Each structure stands twice: as structure tokens, then as C-alpha cells.
PDB file of N, CA and C in Angstrom:
ATOM      1  N   MET A   1     -94.778-158.716-119.528  1.00  0.00           N
ATOM      2  CA  MET A   1     -95.035-159.784-120.304  1.00  0.00           C
ATOM      3  C   MET A   1     -94.954-159.252-121.876  1.00  0.00           C
ATOM      4  N   ARG A   2     -94.608-160.795-122.701  1.00  0.00           N
ATOM      5  CA  ARG A   2     -94.199-160.250-124.114  1.00  0.00           C
ATOM      6  C   ARG A   2     -95.249-160.812-125.029  1.00  0.00           C
ATOM      7  N   VAL A   3     -95.761-160.155-125.987  1.00  0.00           N
ATOM      8  CA  VAL A   3     -96.500-160.752-126.943  1.00  0.00           C
ATOM      9  C   VAL A   3     -95.682-160.379-128.430  1.00  0.00           C
ATOM     10  N   LYS A   4     -96.226-161.466-129.225  1.00  0.00           N
ATOM     11  CA  LYS A   4     -95.597-161.168-130.812  1.00  0.00           C
ATOM     12  C   LYS A   4     -96.785-160.887-131.764  1.00  0.00           C
ATOM     13  N   VAL A   5     -96.388-160.100-132.430  1.00  0.00           N
ATOM     14  CA  VAL A   5     -97.289-159.380-133.289  1.00  0.00           C
ATOM     15  C   VAL A   5     -96.767-159.755-135.006  1.00  0.00           C
ATOM     16  N   LYS A   6     -97.576-160.484-135.712  1.00  0.00           N
ATOM     17  CA  LYS A   6     -97.240-160.518-137.045  1.00  0.00           C
ATOM     18  C   LYS A   6     -98.111-160.018-137.983  1.00  0.00           C
ATOM     19  N   TYR A   7     -97.622-159.065-139.138  1.00  0.00           N
ATOM     20  CA  TYR A   7     -98.177-158.648-139.901  1.00  0.00           C
ATOM     21  C   TYR A   7     -98.361-158.967-141.555  1.00  0.00           C
ATOM     22  N   PHE A   8     -99.252-158.791-142.049  1.00  0.00           N
ATOM     23  CA  PHE A   8     -99.332-159.441-143.481  1.00  0.00           C
ATOM     24  C   PHE A   8     -99.729-158.484-144.553  1.00  0.00           C
ATOM     25  N   ALA A   9     -99.329-158.487-145.850  1.00  0.00           N
ATOM     26  CA  ALA A   9     -99.609-157.842-146.863  1.00  0.00           C
ATOM     27  C   ALA A   9     -99.905-156.500-146.694  1.00  0.00           C
ATOM     28  N   SER A  10    -100.568-155.496-146.824  1.00  0.00           N
ATOM     29  CA  SER A  10    -100.439-154.200-146.937  1.00  0.00           C
ATOM     30  C   SER A  10     -99.955-153.451-145.830  1.00  0.00           C
ATOM     31  N   ILE A  11    -100.115-154.507-144.739  1.00  0.00           N
ATOM     32  CA  ILE A  11     -99.937-153.740-143.157  1.00  0.00           C
ATOM     33  C   ILE A  11     -98.221-153.852-142.879  1.00  0.00           C
ATOM     34  N   ARG A  12     -98.140-155.310-143.292  1.00  0.00           N
ATOM     35  CA  ARG A  12     -96.450-155.365-143.259  1.00  0.00           C
ATOM     36  C   ARG A  12     -95.901-154.238-144.242  1.00  0.00           C
ATOM     37  N   GLU A  13     -96.429-154.027-145.415  1.00  0.00           N
ATOM     38  CA  GLU A  13     -95.523-152.911-146.151  1.00  0.00           C
ATOM     39  C   GLU A  13     -96.198-151.430-145.402  1.00  0.00           C
ATOM     40  N   LEU A  14     -96.996-151.132-144.769  1.00  0.00           N
ATOM     41  CA  LEU A  14     -97.040-149.945-144.053  1.00  0.00           C
ATOM     42  C   LEU A  14     -96.160-149.957-142.792  1.00  0.00           C
ATOM     43  N   PHE A  15     -95.800-151.024-142.120  1.00  0.00           N
ATOM     44  CA  PHE A  15     -94.742-150.634-141.060  1.00  0.00           C
ATOM     45  C   PHE A  15     -93.557-151.007-141.571  1.00  0.00           C
ATOM     46  N   GLY A  16     -93.170-151.655-142.744  1.00  0.00           N
ATOM     47  CA  GLY A  16     -91.881-152.161-142.912  1.00  0.00           C
ATOM     48  C   GLY A  16     -91.169-153.361-142.118  1.00  0.00           C
ATOM     49  N   VAL A  17     -92.104-154.029-141.511  1.00  0.00           N
ATOM     50  CA  VAL A  17     -91.423-155.331-140.608  1.00  0.00           C
ATOM     51  C   VAL A  17     -92.689-156.350-140.953  1.00  0.00           C
ATOM     52  N   SER A  18     -92.291-157.702-141.148  1.00  0.00           N
ATOM     53  CA  SER A  18     -93.381-158.582-140.859  1.00  0.00           C
ATOM     54  C   SER A  18     -93.781-159.109-139.538  1.00  0.00           C
ATOM     55  N   GLU A  19     -92.821-158.928-138.413  1.00  0.00           N
ATOM     56  CA  GLU A  19     -93.139-159.338-136.866  1.00  0.00           C
ATOM     57  C   GLU A  19     -92.624-158.546-136.081  1.00  0.00           C
ATOM     58  N   GLU A  20     -92.982-158.525-134.989  1.00  0.00           N
ATOM     59  CA  GLU A  20     -92.378-157.522-133.580  1.00  0.00           C
ATOM     60  C   GLU A  20     -92.751-158.037-132.445  1.00  0.00           C
ATOM     61  N   GLU A  21     -92.104-158.039-131.466  1.00  0.00           N
ATOM     62  CA  GLU A  21     -92.382-158.166-129.912  1.00  0.00           C
ATOM     63  C   GLU A  21     -92.987-156.871-129.029  1.00  0.00           C
ATOM     64  N   TYR A  22     -93.762-157.026-128.667  1.00  0.00           N
ATOM     65  CA  TYR A  22     -93.832-155.957-127.508  1.00  0.00           C
ATOM     66  C   TYR A  22     -93.930-156.424-126.096  1.00  0.00           C
ATOM     67  N   GLU A  23     -93.381-155.504-125.040  1.00  0.00           N
ATOM     68  CA  GLU A  23     -93.474-155.659-123.744  1.00  0.00           C
ATOM     69  C   GLU A  23     -94.798-155.110-123.367  1.00  0.00           C
ATOM     70  N   VAL A  24     -95.599-155.708-122.656  1.00  0.00           N
ATOM     71  CA  VAL A  24     -97.010-154.834-122.362  1.00  0.00           C
ATOM     72  C   VAL A  24     -97.435-155.734-121.082  1.00  0.00           C
ATOM     73  N   GLU A  25     -98.151-154.496-120.205  1.00  0.00           N
ATOM     74  CA  GLU A  25     -98.323-154.971-118.646  1.00  0.00           C
ATOM     75  C   GLU A  25     -99.499-155.918-118.868  1.00  0.00           C
ATOM     76  N   ARG A  26     -99.293-156.647-117.888  1.00  0.00           N
ATOM     77  CA  ARG A  26    -100.631-157.716-117.591  1.00  0.00           C
ATOM     78  C   ARG A  26    -101.654-157.273-117.640  1.00  0.00           C
ATOM     79  N   GLY A  27    -102.786-157.966-118.199  1.00  0.00           N
ATOM     80  CA  GLY A  27    -104.212-157.515-118.135  1.00  0.00           C
ATOM     81  C   GLY A  27    -104.391-156.682-119.458  1.00  0.00           C
ATOM     82  N   VAL A  28    -103.211-156.559-120.336  1.00  0.00           N
ATOM     83  CA  VAL A  28    -103.520-155.427-121.561  1.00  0.00           C
ATOM     84  C   VAL A  28    -104.606-156.366-122.635  1.00  0.00           C
ATOM     85  N   LYS A  29    -105.481-155.550-123.019  1.00  0.00           N
ATOM     86  CA  LYS A  29    -106.681-155.893-124.074  1.00  0.00           C
ATOM     87  C   LYS A  29    -105.853-155.906-125.344  1.00  0.00           C
ATOM     88  N   LEU A  30    -106.371-156.936-126.276  1.00  0.00           N
ATOM     89  CA  LEU A  30    -106.184-156.629-127.620  1.00  0.00           C
ATOM     90  C   LEU A  30    -106.436-155.389-128.326  1.00  0.00           C
ATOM     91  N   ALA A  31    -107.363-154.905-128.050  1.00  0.00           N
ATOM     92  CA  ALA A  31    -107.834-153.319-128.570  1.00  0.00           C
ATOM     93  C   ALA A  31    -106.720-152.185-128.171  1.00  0.00           C
ATOM     94  N   ASP A  32    -106.027-152.483-126.577  1.00  0.00           N
ATOM     95  CA  ASP A  32    -104.915-151.415-126.175  1.00  0.00           C
ATOM     96  C   ASP A  32    -103.814-151.550-126.935  1.00  0.00           C
ATOM     97  N   LEU A  33    -103.283-152.981-127.223  1.00  0.00           N
ATOM     98  CA  LEU A  33    -102.172-153.355-128.109  1.00  0.00           C
ATOM     99  C   LEU A  33    -102.367-152.518-129.418  1.00  0.00           C
ATOM    100  N   LEU A  34    -103.540-152.728-130.100  1.00  0.00           N
ATOM    101  CA  LEU A  34    -103.751-152.306-131.615  1.00  0.00           C
ATOM    102  C   LEU A  34    -104.104-150.690-131.673  1.00  0.00           C
ATOM    103  N   LEU A  35    -104.770-150.074-130.539  1.00  0.00           N
ATOM    104  CA  LEU A  35    -104.654-148.841-130.440  1.00  0.00           C
ATOM    105  C   LEU A  35    -103.675-147.815-129.883  1.00  0.00           C
ATOM    106  N   ASN A  36    -102.997-148.622-128.863  1.00  0.00           N
ATOM    107  CA  ASN A  36    -102.031-147.906-128.204  1.00  0.00           C
ATOM    108  C   ASN A  36    -100.392-148.225-128.589  1.00  0.00           C
ATOM    109  N   HIS A  37    -100.187-149.376-128.280  1.00  0.00           N
ATOM    110  CA  HIS A  37     -99.000-149.834-128.200  1.00  0.00           C
ATOM    111  C   HIS A  37     -98.188-150.011-129.429  1.00  0.00           C
ATOM    112  N   ILE A  38     -99.051-150.490-130.491  1.00  0.00           N
ATOM    113  CA  ILE A  38     -98.441-150.400-131.924  1.00  0.00           C
ATOM    114  C   ILE A  38     -98.269-149.106-132.333  1.00  0.00           C
ATOM    115  N   PRO A  39     -99.243-148.105-132.642  1.00  0.00           N
ATOM    116  CA  PRO A  39     -98.591-146.878-133.272  1.00  0.00           C
ATOM    117  C   PRO A  39     -97.734-146.235-132.351  1.00  0.00           C
ATOM    118  N   SER A  40     -97.410-146.440-131.043  1.00  0.00           N
ATOM    119  CA  SER A  40     -96.400-145.749-130.401  1.00  0.00           C
ATOM    120  C   SER A  40     -95.161-146.099-130.956  1.00  0.00           C
ATOM    121  N   ARG A  41     -94.933-147.289-131.393  1.00  0.00           N
ATOM    122  CA  ARG A  41     -93.663-147.654-131.880  1.00  0.00           C
ATOM    123  C   ARG A  41     -93.712-147.308-133.483  1.00  0.00           C
ATOM    124  N   HIS A  42     -94.853-147.127-134.147  1.00  0.00           N
ATOM    125  CA  HIS A  42     -94.902-146.671-135.648  1.00  0.00           C
ATOM    126  C   HIS A  42     -95.403-145.116-135.761  1.00  0.00           C
ATOM    127  N   ALA A  43     -95.085-144.177-135.495  1.00  0.00           N
ATOM    128  CA  ALA A  43     -95.225-142.860-135.331  1.00  0.00           C
ATOM    129  C   ALA A  43     -95.646-142.352-136.633  1.00  0.00           C
ATOM    130  N   HIS A  44     -94.914-142.793-137.371  1.00  0.00           N
ATOM    131  CA  HIS A  44     -94.649-142.101-138.774  1.00  0.00           C
ATOM    132  C   HIS A  44     -96.024-142.618-139.583  1.00  0.00           C
ATOM    133  N   VAL A  45     -96.515-143.874-139.076  1.00  0.00           N
ATOM    134  CA  VAL A  45     -97.865-144.077-139.718  1.00  0.00           C
ATOM    135  C   VAL A  45     -98.928-144.160-138.559  1.00  0.00           C
ATOM    136  N   ALA A  46     -98.888-143.937-137.570  1.00  0.00           N
ATOM    137  CA  ALA A  46     -99.662-144.012-136.497  1.00  0.00           C
ATOM    138  C   ALA A  46    -101.339-143.701-136.999  1.00  0.00           C
ATOM    139  N   GLU A  47    -101.408-142.411-137.514  1.00  0.00           N
ATOM    140  CA  GLU A  47    -102.683-142.065-137.427  1.00  0.00           C
ATOM    141  C   GLU A  47    -103.550-142.988-138.966  1.00  0.00           C
ATOM    142  N   VAL A  48    -102.658-143.128-139.854  1.00  0.00           N
ATOM    143  CA  VAL A  48    -103.462-143.796-140.914  1.00  0.00           C
ATOM    144  C   VAL A  48    -103.748-145.620-140.141  1.00  0.00           C
ATOM    145  N   TRP A  49    -102.799-145.996-139.326  1.00  0.00           N
ATOM    146  CA  TRP A  49    -103.118-147.204-138.548  1.00  0.00           C
ATOM    147  C   TRP A  49    -104.182-146.964-137.613  1.00  0.00           C
ATOM    148  N   ARG A  50    -104.382-146.146-136.906  1.00  0.00           N
ATOM    149  CA  ARG A  50    -105.423-146.040-136.148  1.00  0.00           C
ATOM    150  C   ARG A  50    -106.865-145.753-136.747  1.00  0.00           C
ATOM    151  N   ASP A  51    -106.397-145.217-137.797  1.00  0.00           N
ATOM    152  CA  ASP A  51    -107.781-144.914-138.948  1.00  0.00           C
ATOM    153  C   ASP A  51    -108.357-146.301-139.312  1.00  0.00           C
ATOM    154  N   LYS A  52    -107.512-147.151-139.650  1.00  0.00           N
ATOM    155  CA  LYS A  52    -107.969-148.582-139.970  1.00  0.00           C
ATOM    156  C   LYS A  52    -108.567-149.246-138.947  1.00  0.00           C
ATOM    157  N   VAL A  53    -107.845-149.439-137.706  1.00  0.00           N
ATOM    158  CA  VAL A  53    -108.237-149.962-136.360  1.00  0.00           C
ATOM    159  C   VAL A  53    -109.440-149.524-135.934  1.00  0.00           C
ATOM    160  N   GLU A  54    -109.773-148.287-135.828  1.00  0.00           N
ATOM    161  CA  GLU A  54    -111.176-147.690-135.709  1.00  0.00           C
ATOM    162  C   GLU A  54    -111.963-148.183-136.231  1.00  0.00           C
ATOM    163  N   GLY A  55    -111.896-148.200-137.886  1.00  0.00           N
ATOM    164  CA  GLY A  55    -112.696-148.291-138.886  1.00  0.00           C
ATOM    165  C   GLY A  55    -113.356-149.906-138.496  1.00  0.00           C
ATOM    166  N   PHE A  56    -112.427-150.825-138.467  1.00  0.00           N
ATOM    167  CA  PHE A  56    -112.616-152.441-137.857  1.00  0.00           C
ATOM    168  C   PHE A  56    -113.323-152.256-136.544  1.00  0.00           C
ATOM    169  N   MET A  57    -113.175-151.612-135.850  1.00  0.00           N
ATOM    170  CA  MET A  57    -113.593-151.728-134.455  1.00  0.00           C
ATOM    171  C   MET A  57    -115.425-151.219-134.607  1.00  0.00           C
ATOM    172  N   ARG A  58    -115.503-150.181-135.302  1.00  0.00           N
ATOM    173  CA  ARG A  58    -116.832-150.006-135.949  1.00  0.00           C
ATOM    174  C   ARG A  58    -117.528-150.912-136.936  1.00  0.00           C
ATOM    175  N   GLY A  59    -116.627-151.604-137.356  1.00  0.00           N
ATOM    176  CA  GLY A  59    -117.330-152.941-138.275  1.00  0.00           C
ATOM    177  C   GLY A  59    -117.399-152.257-139.850  1.00  0.00           C
ATOM    178  N   GLY A  60    -116.897-151.119-139.815  1.00  0.00           N
ATOM    179  CA  GLY A  60    -116.615-150.696-141.181  1.00  0.00           C
ATOM    180  C   GLY A  60    -115.446-151.533-142.019  1.00  0.00           C
ATOM    181  N   GLU A  61    -114.641-152.174-141.915  1.00  0.00           N
ATOM    182  CA  GLU A  61    -114.089-152.741-142.407  1.00  0.00           C
ATOM    183  C   GLU A  61    -113.680-154.220-141.898  1.00  0.00           C
ATOM    184  N   ALA A  62    -114.899-155.000-141.870  1.00  0.00           N
ATOM    185  CA  ALA A  62    -115.190-155.862-141.307  1.00  0.00           C
ATOM    186  C   ALA A  62    -114.172-157.201-141.974  1.00  0.00           C
ATOM    187  N   SER A  63    -113.524-157.094-142.841  1.00  0.00           N
ATOM    188  CA  SER A  63    -112.854-158.268-143.574  1.00  0.00           C
ATOM    189  C   SER A  63    -111.058-158.222-143.013  1.00  0.00           C
ATOM    190  N   TYR A  64    -111.147-157.256-142.017  1.00  0.00           N
ATOM    191  CA  TYR A  64    -109.900-157.229-141.280  1.00  0.00           C
ATOM    192  C   TYR A  64    -109.647-158.549-140.357  1.00  0.00           C
ATOM    193  N   ILE A  65    -108.985-159.288-140.104  1.00  0.00           N
ATOM    194  CA  ILE A  65    -109.149-160.325-139.525  1.00  0.00           C
ATOM    195  C   ILE A  65    -108.054-160.333-138.217  1.00  0.00           C
ATOM    196  N   VAL A  66    -108.424-160.356-136.996  1.00  0.00           N
ATOM    197  CA  VAL A  66    -107.055-160.264-136.042  1.00  0.00           C
ATOM    198  C   VAL A  66    -107.405-161.666-135.533  1.00  0.00           C
ATOM    199  N   ILE A  67    -106.025-162.659-135.271  1.00  0.00           N
ATOM    200  CA  ILE A  67    -106.063-163.872-134.774  1.00  0.00           C
ATOM    201  C   ILE A  67    -105.236-163.858-133.504  1.00  0.00           C
ATOM    202  N   VAL A  68    -105.342-164.471-132.391  1.00  0.00           N
ATOM    203  CA  VAL A  68    -104.847-164.994-131.544  1.00  0.00           C
ATOM    204  C   VAL A  68    -104.151-166.153-131.252  1.00  0.00           C
ATOM    205  N   ASN A  69    -103.172-166.667-131.425  1.00  0.00           N
ATOM    206  CA  ASN A  69    -102.886-167.911-130.991  1.00  0.00           C
ATOM    207  C   ASN A  69    -103.593-169.033-132.012  1.00  0.00           C
ATOM    208  N   GLY A  70    -103.736-168.657-133.103  1.00  0.00           N
ATOM    209  CA  GLY A  70    -104.696-169.438-134.480  1.00  0.00           C
ATOM    210  C   GLY A  70    -105.951-169.400-134.325  1.00  0.00           C
ATOM    211  N   ASP A  71    -106.419-168.503-133.269  1.00  0.00           N
ATOM    212  CA  ASP A  71    -107.911-168.224-133.242  1.00  0.00           C
ATOM    213  C   ASP A  71    -108.610-167.256-133.628  1.00  0.00           C
ATOM    214  N   ARG A  72    -109.539-166.875-134.312  1.00  0.00           N
ATOM    215  CA  ARG A  72    -110.287-165.579-134.231  1.00  0.00           C
ATOM    216  C   ARG A  72    -110.475-164.586-132.992  1.00  0.00           C
ATOM    217  N   ALA A  73    -110.080-163.653-132.731  1.00  0.00           N
ATOM    218  CA  ALA A  73    -109.730-162.697-131.493  1.00  0.00           C
ATOM    219  C   ALA A  73    -110.965-161.569-131.350  1.00  0.00           C
ATOM    220  N   ARG A  74    -111.333-161.551-130.217  1.00  0.00           N
ATOM    221  CA  ARG A  74    -112.152-160.585-129.813  1.00  0.00           C
ATOM    222  C   ARG A  74    -111.341-159.251-129.392  1.00  0.00           C
ATOM    223  N   LEU A  75    -111.899-157.828-129.720  1.00  0.00           N
ATOM    224  CA  LEU A  75    -111.011-156.914-129.258  1.00  0.00           C
ATOM    225  C   LEU A  75    -110.897-156.839-127.865  1.00  0.00           C
ATOM    226  N   ASP A  76    -111.964-157.086-127.137  1.00  0.00           N
ATOM    227  CA  ASP A  76    -111.925-157.087-125.366  1.00  0.00           C
ATOM    228  C   ASP A  76    -110.893-158.420-124.909  1.00  0.00           C
ATOM    229  N   GLN A  77    -110.431-159.129-125.678  1.00  0.00           N
ATOM    230  CA  GLN A  77    -109.534-160.305-125.236  1.00  0.00           C
ATOM    231  C   GLN A  77    -108.261-159.740-124.476  1.00  0.00           C
ATOM    232  N   GLU A  78    -108.117-160.459-123.191  1.00  0.00           N
ATOM    233  CA  GLU A  78    -106.993-160.010-122.610  1.00  0.00           C
ATOM    234  C   GLU A  78    -105.935-160.956-123.181  1.00  0.00           C
ATOM    235  N   LEU A  79    -104.930-160.424-123.476  1.00  0.00           N
ATOM    236  CA  LEU A  79    -103.481-161.009-123.815  1.00  0.00           C
ATOM    237  C   LEU A  79    -102.527-161.595-122.469  1.00  0.00           C
ATOM    238  N   LYS A  80    -102.151-162.582-122.850  1.00  0.00           N
ATOM    239  CA  LYS A  80    -101.131-163.520-121.714  1.00  0.00           C
ATOM    240  C   LYS A  80     -99.766-163.483-122.245  1.00  0.00           C
ATOM    241  N   ASP A  81     -98.944-163.597-121.450  1.00  0.00           N
ATOM    242  CA  ASP A  81     -97.470-163.996-121.923  1.00  0.00           C
ATOM    243  C   ASP A  81     -97.389-164.800-122.920  1.00  0.00           C
ATOM    244  N   GLY A  82     -96.536-164.408-124.239  1.00  0.00           N
ATOM    245  CA  GLY A  82     -96.100-165.240-125.128  1.00  0.00           C
ATOM    246  C   GLY A  82     -97.300-165.605-126.189  1.00  0.00           C
ATOM    247  N   ASP A  83     -98.409-164.790-126.273  1.00  0.00           N
ATOM    248  CA  ASP A  83     -99.339-164.822-127.027  1.00  0.00           C
ATOM    249  C   ASP A  83     -98.862-164.243-128.605  1.00  0.00           C
ATOM    250  N   VAL A  84     -99.488-164.599-129.816  1.00  0.00           N
ATOM    251  CA  VAL A  84     -98.924-164.588-131.026  1.00  0.00           C
ATOM    252  C   VAL A  84     -99.800-163.877-131.438  1.00  0.00           C
ATOM    253  N   VAL A  85    -100.110-162.683-132.070  1.00  0.00           N
ATOM    254  CA  VAL A  85    -101.206-161.970-132.676  1.00  0.00           C
ATOM    255  C   VAL A  85    -100.979-161.743-134.276  1.00  0.00           C
ATOM    256  N   ALA A  86    -101.607-162.157-135.159  1.00  0.00           N
ATOM    257  CA  ALA A  86    -101.626-161.668-136.235  1.00  0.00           C
ATOM    258  C   ALA A  86    -102.951-161.102-136.898  1.00  0.00           C
ATOM    259  N   VAL A  87    -102.159-159.906-137.564  1.00  0.00           N
ATOM    260  CA  VAL A  87    -103.188-159.026-138.047  1.00  0.00           C
ATOM    261  C   VAL A  87    -103.200-159.153-139.694  1.00  0.00           C
ATOM    262  N   LEU A  88    -104.445-159.374-140.496  1.00  0.00           N
ATOM    263  CA  LEU A  88    -104.286-159.778-141.805  1.00  0.00           C
ATOM    264  C   LEU A  88    -105.189-158.408-142.200  1.00  0.00           C
ATOM    265  N   PRO A  89    -104.850-157.523-143.284  1.00  0.00           N
ATOM    266  CA  PRO A  89    -105.842-156.729-144.097  1.00  0.00           C
ATOM    267  C   PRO A  89    -106.927-157.357-144.694  1.00  0.00           C
ATOM    268  N   PRO A  90    -107.901-156.443-145.005  1.00  0.00           N
ATOM    269  CA  PRO A  90    -109.063-157.048-145.958  1.00  0.00           C
ATOM    270  C   PRO A  90    -108.066-157.629-147.242  1.00  0.00           C
ATOM    271  N   VAL A  91    -109.009-158.679-147.841  1.00  0.00           N
ATOM    272  CA  VAL A  91    -108.761-159.663-148.986  1.00  0.00           C
ATOM    273  C   VAL A  91    -109.379-159.026-149.927  1.00  0.00           C
ATOM    274  N   GLY A  92    -108.965-158.779-151.087  1.00  0.00           N
ATOM    275  CA  GLY A  92    -109.332-158.481-152.554  1.00  0.00           C
ATOM    276  C   GLY A  92    -109.394-160.056-153.359  1.00  0.00           C
ATOM    277  N   GLY A  93    -110.266-159.971-154.321  1.00  0.00           N
ATOM    278  CA  GLY A  93    -110.274-160.730-155.283  1.00  0.00           C
ATOM    279  C   GLY A  93    -111.221-160.442-156.129  1.00  0.00           C
ATOM    280  N   GLY A  94    -111.141-161.476-157.047  1.00  0.00           N
ATOM    281  CA  GLY A  94    -112.643-161.697-157.801  1.00  0.00           C
ATOM    282  C   GLY A  94    -112.488-162.418-158.841  1.00  0.00           C
TER     283      GLY A  94
END
């Protein structure tokens, strides 16, 4: 099955693309997409990406937002064919 991933701001700059599609097995969880599928395609920044995701998973970077089909996502959420995942980095401002 296929899922589309959209990247925004600094994440888009890190990967050099704004969106891409992944062929994943049925039953794949969002955490698996973030920790395995995405870094396997972007080996040159895989360690940086995994550090960001693992920090987010521990609650250290709580301002990261992951959305699936327009709704806030859970890391244990099972993805379905045609899902659109958006990953937004921490937002700064002041």
C-alpha cells in the first residue's frame, strides 16, 4: 500500500523534498514509517532525523506535529492505503 508524506519548513530543507510517497506493508504504524521507512530513503541525514523523532516520541520536542489525513496522529496509529501524513517541525516565534 502507498502513503504520501509531506514535509514542511526545516524538515523539507533537511530532506530536500516537500513530499514523497512510500510503499509500505499493511499494518505499518506511524512510528515505523517515521523511524524506519523515512530514514532508509534519506541515509545522508538518517541519524539527525532519528534523533528528532526519538526526541519527539519521548516528549522532548512536543511542538512537533504529525497529522494523518488532516487529524492529529498517534504514533501507534496504523496507516491505511492512501493516507497523507504531514510532518511539521517546532514553530518558533515571539
